[in-house]
C-alpha atoms as a PDB file:
ATOM      1  CA  MET A   1      -2.476  26.544 -16.159  1.00  0.00           C
ATOM      2  CA  ASN A   2       0.210  23.894 -15.604  1.00  0.00           C
ATOM      3  CA  LEU A   3       0.236  21.892 -12.386  1.00  0.00           C
ATOM      4  CA  SER A   4       3.155  23.757 -10.856  1.00  0.00           C
ATOM      5  CA  LYS A   5       1.445  27.141 -11.343  1.00  0.00           C
ATOM      6  CA  GLU A   6      -1.920  25.726 -10.281  1.00  0.00           C
ATOM      7  CA  THR A   7      -0.438  24.292  -7.074  1.00  0.00           C
ATOM      8  CA  LYS A   8       1.307  27.548  -6.175  1.00  0.00           C
ATOM      9  CA  PHE A   9      -1.909  29.465  -6.935  1.00  0.00           C
ATOM     10  CA  LEU A  10      -3.941  27.236  -4.610  1.00  0.00           C
ATOM     11  CA  MET A  11      -1.340  27.382  -1.867  1.00  0.00           C
ATOM     12  CA  ASN A  12      -1.328  31.183  -2.041  1.00  0.00           C
ATOM     13  CA  LYS A  13      -5.094  31.545  -2.345  1.00  0.00           C
ATOM     14  CA  TYR A  14      -5.827  29.379   0.682  1.00  0.00           C
ATOM     15  CA  ASN A  15      -2.643  30.291   2.587  1.00  0.00           C
ATOM     16  CA  ILE A  16      -1.552  26.658   2.664  1.00  0.00           C
ATOM     17  CA  THR A  17       1.885  25.192   3.347  1.00  0.00           C
ATOM     18  CA  ALA A  18       2.772  21.516   3.205  1.00  0.00           C
ATOM     19  CA  ASN A  19       2.165  19.959   6.612  1.00  0.00           C
ATOM     20  CA  LYS A  20       5.163  17.846   7.619  1.00  0.00           C
ATOM     21  CA  ASN A  21       3.090  16.074  10.287  1.00  0.00           C
ATOM     22  CA  TYR A  22       0.914  14.652   7.505  1.00  0.00           C
ATOM     23  CA  GLY A  23       3.856  13.954   5.211  1.00  0.00           C
ATOM     24  CA  GLN A  24       2.528  16.350   2.566  1.00  0.00           C
ATOM     25  CA  ASN A  25       4.331  16.922  -0.725  1.00  0.00           C
ATOM     26  CA  PHE A  26       2.136  18.243  -3.519  1.00  0.00           C
ATOM     27  CA  LEU A  27       2.439  16.532  -6.900  1.00  0.00           C
ATOM     28  CA  ILE A  28       3.081  18.913  -9.805  1.00  0.00           C
ATOM     29  CA  ASP A  29       4.064  16.524 -12.601  1.00  0.00           C
ATOM     30  CA  GLU A  30       1.284  16.084 -15.158  1.00  0.00           C
ATOM     31  CA  ASN A  31       3.031  13.107 -16.760  1.00  0.00           C
ATOM     32  CA  VAL A  32       2.972  11.275 -13.444  1.00  0.00           C
ATOM     33  CA  VAL A  33      -0.729  12.026 -12.932  1.00  0.00           C
ATOM     34  CA  ASN A  34      -1.532  10.768 -16.427  1.00  0.00           C
ATOM     35  CA  GLY A  35       0.617   7.688 -15.886  1.00  0.00           C
ATOM     36  CA  ILE A  36      -1.176   6.816 -12.656  1.00  0.00           C
ATOM     37  CA  ILE A  37      -4.617   7.147 -14.291  1.00  0.00           C
ATOM     38  CA  GLU A  38      -3.538   5.065 -17.283  1.00  0.00           C
ATOM     39  CA  GLN A  39      -1.869   2.279 -15.276  1.00  0.00           C
ATOM     40  CA  ALA A  40      -4.745   2.082 -12.795  1.00  0.00           C
ATOM     41  CA  GLN A  41      -7.062   1.688 -15.804  1.00  0.00           C
ATOM     42  CA  VAL A  42      -9.683   3.951 -14.236  1.00  0.00           C
ATOM     43  CA  SER A  43     -13.073   3.850 -15.965  1.00  0.00           C
ATOM     44  CA  ARG A  44     -16.703   4.863 -15.416  1.00  0.00           C
ATOM     45  CA  ASN A  45     -17.357   1.375 -14.036  1.00  0.00           C
ATOM     46  CA  ASP A  46     -15.020   2.055 -11.119  1.00  0.00           C
ATOM     47  CA  LEU A  47     -15.451   3.316  -7.595  1.00  0.00           C
ATOM     48  CA  VAL A  48     -12.122   4.914  -6.708  1.00  0.00           C
ATOM     49  CA  ILE A  49     -11.023   5.536  -3.137  1.00  0.00           C
ATOM     50  CA  GLU A  50      -8.346   8.219  -2.915  1.00  0.00           C
ATOM     51  CA  ILE A  51      -6.430   8.492   0.354  1.00  0.00           C
ATOM     52  CA  GLY A  52      -4.906  11.871   1.204  1.00  0.00           C
ATOM     53  CA  PRO A  53      -6.002  13.908  -1.831  1.00  0.00           C
ATOM     54  CA  GLY A  54      -4.409  17.111  -0.487  1.00  0.00           C
ATOM     55  CA  LEU A  55      -5.010  19.968  -2.930  1.00  0.00           C
ATOM     56  CA  GLY A  56      -6.809  17.653  -5.347  1.00  0.00           C
ATOM     57  CA  THR A  57      -4.237  17.371  -8.144  1.00  0.00           C
ATOM     58  CA  LEU A  58      -4.839  13.667  -8.706  1.00  0.00           C
ATOM     59  CA  THR A  59      -8.511  13.990  -7.730  1.00  0.00           C
ATOM     60  CA  SER A  60      -9.196  16.296 -10.660  1.00  0.00           C
ATOM     61  CA  SER A  61      -8.129  13.659 -13.196  1.00  0.00           C
ATOM     62  CA  LEU A  62      -9.757  10.798 -11.304  1.00  0.00           C
ATOM     63  CA  LEU A  63     -13.113  12.576 -11.439  1.00  0.00           C
ATOM     64  CA  ASP A  64     -12.814  12.850 -15.228  1.00  0.00           C
ATOM     65  CA  TYR A  65     -12.435   9.086 -15.626  1.00  0.00           C
ATOM     66  CA  ALA A  66     -14.017   7.298 -12.652  1.00  0.00           C
ATOM     67  CA  GLY A  67     -17.639   6.538 -11.947  1.00  0.00           C
ATOM     68  CA  LYS A  68     -17.203   7.926  -8.446  1.00  0.00           C
ATOM     69  CA  VAL A  69     -14.289   9.159  -6.345  1.00  0.00           C
ATOM     70  CA  ILE A  70     -14.403   9.011  -2.558  1.00  0.00           C
ATOM     71  CA  CYS A  71     -11.630  11.124  -1.038  1.00  0.00           C
ATOM     72  CA  ILE A  72     -10.517  10.396   2.511  1.00  0.00           C
ATOM     73  CA  GLU A  73      -8.620  13.400   3.891  1.00  0.00           C
ATOM     74  CA  LEU A  74      -7.404  13.841   7.465  1.00  0.00           C
ATOM     75  CA  ASP A  75      -6.135  17.420   7.183  1.00  0.00           C
ATOM     76  CA  THR A  76      -9.026  19.816   7.875  1.00  0.00           C
ATOM     77  CA  ASN A  77      -7.149  22.599   6.063  1.00  0.00           C
ATOM     78  CA  MET A  78      -7.711  20.758   2.787  1.00  0.00           C
ATOM     79  CA  LEU A  79     -11.481  20.335   3.118  1.00  0.00           C
ATOM     80  CA  LYS A  80     -12.506  23.793   1.893  1.00  0.00           C
ATOM     81  CA  ILE A  81     -10.135  23.584  -1.056  1.00  0.00           C
ATOM     82  CA  LEU A  82     -11.469  20.186  -2.122  1.00  0.00           C
ATOM     83  CA  ASN A  83     -15.111  21.208  -1.654  1.00  0.00           C
ATOM     84  CA  ASP A  84     -14.557  24.489  -3.517  1.00  0.00           C
ATOM     85  CA  ARG A  85     -12.914  22.660  -6.413  1.00  0.00           C
ATOM     86  CA  PHE A  86     -15.114  19.586  -6.691  1.00  0.00           C
ATOM     87  CA  GLY A  87     -18.244  20.123  -4.609  1.00  0.00           C
ATOM     88  CA  LEU A  88     -20.439  20.475  -7.712  1.00  0.00           C
ATOM     89  CA  TYR A  89     -19.244  17.194  -9.232  1.00  0.00           C
ATOM     90  CA  ASN A  90     -21.925  14.534  -8.905  1.00  0.00           C
ATOM     91  CA  ASN A  91     -19.296  11.762  -8.645  1.00  0.00           C
ATOM     92  CA  PHE A  92     -17.323  13.328  -5.777  1.00  0.00           C
ATOM     93  CA  GLU A  93     -17.541  12.479  -2.066  1.00  0.00           C
ATOM     94  CA  LEU A  94     -15.280  13.760   0.694  1.00  0.00           C
ATOM     95  CA  ILE A  95     -14.711  12.119   4.072  1.00  0.00           C
ATOM     96  CA  ASN A  96     -12.729  13.921   6.782  1.00  0.00           C
ATOM     97  CA  ASN A  97     -11.131  11.104   8.760  1.00  0.00           C
ATOM     98  CA  ASP A  98      -8.069   8.956   9.296  1.00  0.00           C
ATOM     99  CA  VAL A  99      -8.317   6.128   6.744  1.00  0.00           C
ATOM    100  CA  LEU A 100      -7.171   3.664   9.413  1.00  0.00           C
ATOM    101  CA  LYS A 101     -10.382   4.460  11.331  1.00  0.00           C
ATOM    102  CA  VAL A 102     -12.783   4.358   8.376  1.00  0.00           C
ATOM    103  CA  ASP A 103     -15.110   1.371   7.952  1.00  0.00           C
ATOM    104  CA  LEU A 104     -14.131   0.646   4.364  1.00  0.00           C
ATOM    105  CA  HIS A 105     -16.329  -2.462   4.160  1.00  0.00           C
ATOM    106  CA  ASN A 106     -19.375  -0.295   4.856  1.00  0.00           C
ATOM    107  CA  LEU A 107     -18.193   2.412   2.487  1.00  0.00           C
ATOM    108  CA  ILE A 108     -17.811  -0.069  -0.357  1.00  0.00           C
ATOM    109  CA  SER A 109     -21.106  -1.846   0.354  1.00  0.00           C
ATOM    110  CA  LYS A 110     -22.951   1.488   0.129  1.00  0.00           C
ATOM    111  CA  ASN A 111     -21.551   1.891  -3.390  1.00  0.00           C
ATOM    112  CA  SER A 112     -22.135  -1.650  -4.601  1.00  0.00           C
ATOM    113  CA  ASN A 113     -23.453  -0.477  -7.971  1.00  0.00           C
ATOM    114  CA  PHE A 114     -19.898  -0.192  -9.292  1.00  0.00           C
ATOM    115  CA  LYS A 115     -18.261  -3.186 -10.954  1.00  0.00           C
ATOM    116  CA  LYS A 116     -14.807  -2.553  -9.559  1.00  0.00           C
ATOM    117  CA  VAL A 117     -13.323  -0.824  -6.531  1.00  0.00           C
ATOM    118  CA  LYS A 118      -9.839   0.620  -6.820  1.00  0.00           C
ATOM    119  CA  VAL A 119      -7.583   2.536  -4.467  1.00  0.00           C
ATOM    120  CA  VAL A 120      -5.544   5.237  -6.198  1.00  0.00           C
ATOM    121  CA  ALA A 121      -3.473   7.581  -4.060  1.00  0.00           C
ATOM    122  CA  ASN A 122      -0.304   9.499  -3.358  1.00  0.00           C
ATOM    123  CA  LEU A 123       0.117   8.037   0.127  1.00  0.00           C
ATOM    124  CA  PRO A 124       1.644   9.909   3.079  1.00  0.00           C
ATOM    125  CA  TYR A 125       5.044   8.225   3.341  1.00  0.00           C
ATOM    126  CA  TYR A 126       5.143   8.100   7.143  1.00  0.00           C
ATOM    127  CA  ILE A 127       2.133   5.771   7.240  1.00  0.00           C
ATOM    128  CA  THR A 128       2.398   3.880   3.938  1.00  0.00           C
ATOM    129  CA  THR A 129       2.776   0.371   5.351  1.00  0.00           C
ATOM    130  CA  PRO A 130      -0.105   0.490   7.875  1.00  0.00           C
ATOM    131  CA  ILE A 131      -2.456   1.805   5.188  1.00  0.00           C
ATOM    132  CA  ILE A 132      -1.546  -0.854   2.627  1.00  0.00           C
ATOM    133  CA  MET A 133      -1.751  -3.631   5.216  1.00  0.00           C
ATOM    134  CA  LYS A 134      -5.183  -2.419   6.382  1.00  0.00           C
ATOM    135  CA  LEU A 135      -6.434  -2.504   2.785  1.00  0.00           C
ATOM    136  CA  LEU A 136      -5.224  -6.083   2.374  1.00  0.00           C
ATOM    137  CA  GLU A 137      -5.881  -7.547   5.817  1.00  0.00           C
ATOM    138  CA  ASP A 138      -9.449  -6.224   5.877  1.00  0.00           C
ATOM    139  CA  LYS A 139     -10.050  -8.406   2.797  1.00  0.00           C
ATOM    140  CA  LEU A 140     -11.924  -5.649   1.011  1.00  0.00           C
ATOM    141  CA  ASN A 141     -13.476  -6.250  -2.371  1.00  0.00           C
ATOM    142  CA  LEU A 142     -10.679  -4.418  -4.180  1.00  0.00           C
ATOM    143  CA  THR A 143      -9.494  -4.960  -7.736  1.00  0.00           C
ATOM    144  CA  SER A 144      -6.249  -3.035  -7.393  1.00  0.00           C
ATOM    145  CA  ILE A 145      -4.235  -0.602  -5.303  1.00  0.00           C
ATOM    146  CA  THR A 146      -2.198   1.941  -7.276  1.00  0.00           C
ATOM    147  CA  VAL A 147      -0.187   4.170  -4.972  1.00  0.00           C
ATOM    148  CA  MET A 148       2.814   6.444  -4.845  1.00  0.00           C
ATOM    149  CA  VAL A 149       5.305   5.472  -2.142  1.00  0.00           C
ATOM    150  CA  GLN A 150       8.912   6.121  -1.197  1.00  0.00           C
ATOM    151  CA  LYS A 151      11.191   4.362  -3.698  1.00  0.00           C
ATOM    152  CA  GLU A 152      12.985   2.333  -1.030  1.00  0.00           C
ATOM    153  CA  VAL A 153       9.634   1.085   0.299  1.00  0.00           C
ATOM    154  CA  ALA A 154       8.458   0.276  -3.236  1.00  0.00           C
ATOM    155  CA  GLU A 155      11.503  -1.955  -3.697  1.00  0.00           C
ATOM    156  CA  ARG A 156      10.541  -4.012  -0.639  1.00  0.00           C
ATOM    157  CA  LEU A 157       6.861  -4.153  -1.550  1.00  0.00           C
ATOM    158  CA  THR A 158       7.412  -5.354  -5.105  1.00  0.00           C
ATOM    159  CA  GLU A 159      10.394  -7.636  -4.456  1.00  0.00           C
ATOM    160  CA  THR A 160      10.147 -11.366  -5.101  1.00  0.00           C
ATOM    161  CA  PRO A 161      10.500 -13.229  -1.776  1.00  0.00           C
ATOM    162  CA  GLY A 162      14.122 -14.273  -1.423  1.00  0.00           C
ATOM    163  CA  GLY A 163      15.390 -11.277  -3.417  1.00  0.00           C
ATOM    164  CA  LYS A 164      17.888  -8.707  -2.137  1.00  0.00           C
ATOM    165  CA  ASN A 165      15.227  -6.190  -1.009  1.00  0.00           C
ATOM    166  CA  THR A 166      13.103  -8.743   0.827  1.00  0.00           C
ATOM    167  CA  GLY A 167      11.491  -7.702   4.124  1.00  0.00           C
ATOM    168  CA  SER A 168       8.653  -9.161   6.152  1.00  0.00           C
ATOM    169  CA  ILE A 169       6.129  -7.035   4.266  1.00  0.00           C
ATOM    170  CA  THR A 170       7.336  -8.563   0.981  1.00  0.00           C
ATOM    171  CA  TYR A 171       5.684 -11.839   1.976  1.00  0.00           C
ATOM    172  CA  SER A 172       2.417 -10.159   2.964  1.00  0.00           C
ATOM    173  CA  ILE A 173       2.218  -8.299  -0.338  1.00  0.00           C
ATOM    174  CA  ASN A 174       3.025 -11.454  -2.303  1.00  0.00           C
ATOM    175  CA  TYR A 175       0.487 -13.443  -0.310  1.00  0.00           C
ATOM    176  CA  TYR A 176      -2.380 -11.137  -1.257  1.00  0.00           C
ATOM    177  CA  THR A 177      -1.373  -9.553  -4.592  1.00  0.00           C
ATOM    178  CA  ASN A 178       0.666  -9.454  -7.759  1.00  0.00           C
ATOM    179  CA  ALA A 179       2.862  -6.387  -7.334  1.00  0.00           C
ATOM    180  CA  LYS A 180       4.904  -4.304  -9.733  1.00  0.00           C
ATOM    181  CA  THR A 181       6.493  -0.865 -10.034  1.00  0.00           C
ATOM    182  CA  ILE A 182       4.890   1.129 -12.824  1.00  0.00           C
ATOM    183  CA  LEU A 183       6.495   4.585 -12.571  1.00  0.00           C
ATOM    184  CA  GLU A 184       9.643   6.141 -11.166  1.00  0.00           C
ATOM    185  CA  VAL A 185       9.042   9.644  -9.796  1.00  0.00           C
ATOM    186  CA  PRO A 186      11.916  12.085  -9.141  1.00  0.00           C
ATOM    187  CA  LYS A 187      11.997  14.563  -6.242  1.00  0.00           C
ATOM    188  CA  THR A 188      11.366  17.439  -8.666  1.00  0.00           C
ATOM    189  CA  SER A 189       7.814  16.195  -9.280  1.00  0.00           C
ATOM    190  CA  PHE A 190       6.691  17.717  -5.976  1.00  0.00           C
ATOM    191  CA  ILE A 191       6.332  20.976  -4.078  1.00  0.00           C
ATOM    192  CA  PRO A 192       8.169  21.005  -1.743  1.00  0.00           C
ATOM    193  CA  SER A 193      10.680  18.467  -3.050  1.00  0.00           C
ATOM    194  CA  PRO A 194      11.011  15.509  -0.667  1.00  0.00           C
ATOM    195  CA  LYS A 195      14.428  14.196   0.343  1.00  0.00           C
ATOM    196  CA  VAL A 196      13.842  10.884  -1.442  1.00  0.00           C
ATOM    197  CA  ASP A 197      12.740   9.671  -4.851  1.00  0.00           C
ATOM    198  CA  SER A 198       9.372   7.992  -5.205  1.00  0.00           C
ATOM    199  CA  SER A 199       7.788   5.159  -7.159  1.00  0.00           C
ATOM    200  CA  VAL A 200       4.252   4.325  -8.164  1.00  0.00           C
ATOM    201  CA  ILE A 201       3.375   0.695  -7.564  1.00  0.00           C
ATOM    202  CA  LYS A 202       0.344  -1.311  -8.594  1.00  0.00           C
ATOM    203  CA  LEU A 203      -0.941  -4.191  -6.503  1.00  0.00           C
ATOM    204  CA  ASP A 204      -3.430  -6.389  -8.348  1.00  0.00           C
ATOM    205  CA  VAL A 205      -5.432  -7.969  -5.546  1.00  0.00           C
ATOM    206  CA  LEU A 206      -5.904 -11.726  -5.920  1.00  0.00           C
ATOM    207  CA  ASP A 207      -9.287 -13.422  -5.535  1.00  0.00           C
ATOM    208  CA  ASN A 208      -7.546 -15.942  -3.287  1.00  0.00           C
ATOM    209  CA  PRO A 209      -4.126 -15.772  -1.575  1.00  0.00           C
ATOM    210  CA  LYS A 210      -1.204 -17.056  -3.608  1.00  0.00           C
ATOM    211  CA  ILE A 211      -0.697 -19.963  -1.216  1.00  0.00           C
ATOM    212  CA  LYS A 212      -3.058 -21.807   1.084  1.00  0.00           C
ATOM    213  CA  VAL A 213      -2.063 -22.112   4.739  1.00  0.00           C
ATOM    214  CA  LEU A 214      -3.727 -23.892   7.646  1.00  0.00           C
ATOM    215  CA  ASN A 215      -3.671 -20.831   9.881  1.00  0.00           C
ATOM    216  CA  GLU A 216      -3.137 -17.311   8.528  1.00  0.00           C
ATOM    217  CA  GLU A 217      -2.550 -15.827  11.981  1.00  0.00           C
ATOM    218  CA  ILE A 218       0.289 -18.260  12.669  1.00  0.00           C
ATOM    219  CA  PHE A 219       1.706 -17.767   9.161  1.00  0.00           C
ATOM    220  CA  PHE A 220       1.989 -13.987   9.533  1.00  0.00           C
ATOM    221  CA  LYS A 221       3.261 -14.274  13.111  1.00  0.00           C
ATOM    222  CA  ILE A 222       6.071 -16.559  11.944  1.00  0.00           C
ATOM    223  CA  VAL A 223       7.022 -14.199   9.105  1.00  0.00           C
ATOM    224  CA  LYS A 224       7.022 -11.207  11.459  1.00  0.00           C
ATOM    225  CA  CYS A 225       9.094 -12.984  14.129  1.00  0.00           C
ATOM    226  CA  ALA A 226      11.538 -14.306  11.532  1.00  0.00           C
ATOM    227  CA  PHE A 227      12.463 -10.737  10.562  1.00  0.00           C
ATOM    228  CA  MET A 228      12.664  -9.270  14.063  1.00  0.00           C
ATOM    229  CA  GLN A 229      16.307 -10.396  14.224  1.00  0.00           C
ATOM    230  CA  LYS A 230      17.088 -10.393  10.534  1.00  0.00           C
ATOM    231  CA  ARG A 231      20.847 -10.958  10.883  1.00  0.00           C
ATOM    232  CA  LYS A 232      20.342 -14.189  12.776  1.00  0.00           C
ATOM    233  CA  THR A 233      19.493 -17.523  11.215  1.00  0.00           C
ATOM    234  CA  LEU A 234      15.822 -18.379  10.867  1.00  0.00           C
ATOM    235  CA  ILE A 235      16.071 -20.965  13.650  1.00  0.00           C
ATOM    236  CA  ASN A 236      17.621 -18.461  16.074  1.00  0.00           C
ATOM    237  CA  SER A 237      15.119 -15.738  15.205  1.00  0.00           C
ATOM    238  CA  LEU A 238      12.105 -18.007  15.691  1.00  0.00           C
ATOM    239  CA  SER A 239      13.409 -19.692  18.840  1.00  0.00           C
ATOM    240  CA  ASN A 240      14.341 -16.333  20.399  1.00  0.00           C
ATOM    241  CA  SER A 241      10.824 -15.110  19.620  1.00  0.00           C
ATOM    242  CA  GLY A 242       9.284 -18.071  21.407  1.00  0.00           C
ATOM    243  CA  ILE A 243       7.750 -19.637  18.284  1.00  0.00           C
ATOM    244  CA  SER A 244       9.300 -23.031  19.061  1.00  0.00           C
ATOM    245  CA  ASN A 245      12.523 -24.545  20.343  1.00  0.00           C
ATOM    246  CA  LYS A 246      15.610 -25.015  18.187  1.00  0.00           C
ATOM    247  CA  GLU A 247      15.405 -28.799  18.049  1.00  0.00           C
ATOM    248  CA  ILE A 248      11.852 -28.815  16.700  1.00  0.00           C
ATOM    249  CA  LEU A 249      12.635 -26.055  14.203  1.00  0.00           C
ATOM    250  CA  GLU A 250      15.765 -27.877  13.010  1.00  0.00           C
ATOM    251  CA  ASN A 251      13.796 -31.105  12.519  1.00  0.00           C
ATOM    252  CA  ILE A 252      11.068 -29.290  10.542  1.00  0.00           C
ATOM    253  CA  LEU A 253      13.541 -27.523   8.255  1.00  0.00           C
ATOM    254  CA  THR A 254      15.390 -30.791   7.636  1.00  0.00           C
ATOM    255  CA  GLU A 255      12.094 -32.519   6.825  1.00  0.00           C
ATOM    256  CA  LEU A 256      11.270 -29.718   4.374  1.00  0.00           C
ATOM    257  CA  ASN A 257      14.747 -29.920   2.771  1.00  0.00           C
ATOM    258  CA  ILE A 258      15.546 -26.369   3.867  1.00  0.00           C
ATOM    259  CA  ASP A 259      19.079 -25.476   4.972  1.00  0.00           C
ATOM    260  CA  THR A 260      19.057 -25.188   8.782  1.00  0.00           C
ATOM    261  CA  ARG A 261      21.440 -22.211   8.516  1.00  0.00           C
ATOM    262  CA  ILE A 262      19.091 -20.231   6.270  1.00  0.00           C
ATOM    263  CA  ARG A 263      18.089 -16.660   7.060  1.00  0.00           C
ATOM    264  CA  ALA A 264      14.514 -15.396   6.867  1.00  0.00           C
ATOM    265  CA  GLU A 265      14.952 -13.287   3.727  1.00  0.00           C
ATOM    266  CA  GLN A 266      16.164 -16.326   1.766  1.00  0.00           C
ATOM    267  CA  LEU A 267      12.910 -18.279   2.086  1.00  0.00           C
ATOM    268  CA  THR A 268      10.275 -18.393  -0.620  1.00  0.00           C
ATOM    269  CA  LEU A 269       6.640 -17.648   0.141  1.00  0.00           C
ATOM    270  CA  GLU A 270       5.865 -21.346  -0.295  1.00  0.00           C
ATOM    271  CA  GLN A 271       8.586 -22.367   2.179  1.00  0.00           C
ATOM    272  CA  PHE A 272       7.199 -20.020   4.820  1.00  0.00           C
ATOM    273  CA  GLY A 273       3.782 -21.537   4.134  1.00  0.00           C
ATOM    274  CA  MET A 274       5.041 -25.090   4.634  1.00  0.00           C
ATOM    275  CA  LEU A 275       6.906 -24.090   7.796  1.00  0.00           C
ATOM    276  CA  SER A 276       3.782 -22.401   9.112  1.00  0.00           C
ATOM    277  CA  ASP A 277       1.654 -25.481   8.440  1.00  0.00           C
ATOM    278  CA  LYS A 278       4.117 -27.735  10.270  1.00  0.00           C
ATOM    279  CA  LEU A 279       4.170 -25.441  13.298  1.00  0.00           C
ATOM    280  CA  SER A 280       0.360 -25.083  13.223  1.00  0.00           C
ATOM    281  CA  LYS A 281       0.060 -28.814  13.896  1.00  0.00           C
ATOM    282  CA  ILE A 282       2.262 -28.774  16.991  1.00  0.00           C
END
């Protein structure tokens, strides 16, 4: 049975429709599933955390390759389907909860017998950014995060700071990971077809952040404030946000040999780091 027929069969059998509130679109492209497994390099040494497994299309392949798969599913309508399909697998665990409320540190520590921990998922698009930031900010012992996201979001996440698609999250992703797009996924790969194309990205989590800053909290606050008024110059954005006054900011940028008329999206990660360190000392 191909994935399209299998998905329609499951939807009919369990009287399921895609829940828009959970951003559900069911993957039916076998090539995409295989590509995700291959690029994530899933092996028997791995604990895989899958967020939003839905009908279990990706789960089925993950269970064939991973040492253990822990599925975190919020939609109660999916629980019976997942348990019916995979309940007899000895490497399957299902948690009914919002991933943002799950103690992932505890979950990983209880499965410390695995060499690597990887997140592999087709993420709900409406909550992509909060999920990815939780995974990174919680400083979990993750090797990689391989996830399907909206193409436009993927372009921001994998952009090099200073590039045309740069957003505030670009700096966070680059701070914690090496990021790249590994697959382009057309609308036709899903039931129902979403309104946008998708991409699969892989974030290889670094042992240590790409740059060292004196105060991470101040660093991320500065980046966030810098993009709150993106069309303004960096100095105007930061002064309007109450980070510091224009004179101090102008003096710091001059000292760092940064154009005082620069906009936030033009800075490199390193420049934001140096700016953050200067402001941390004030």
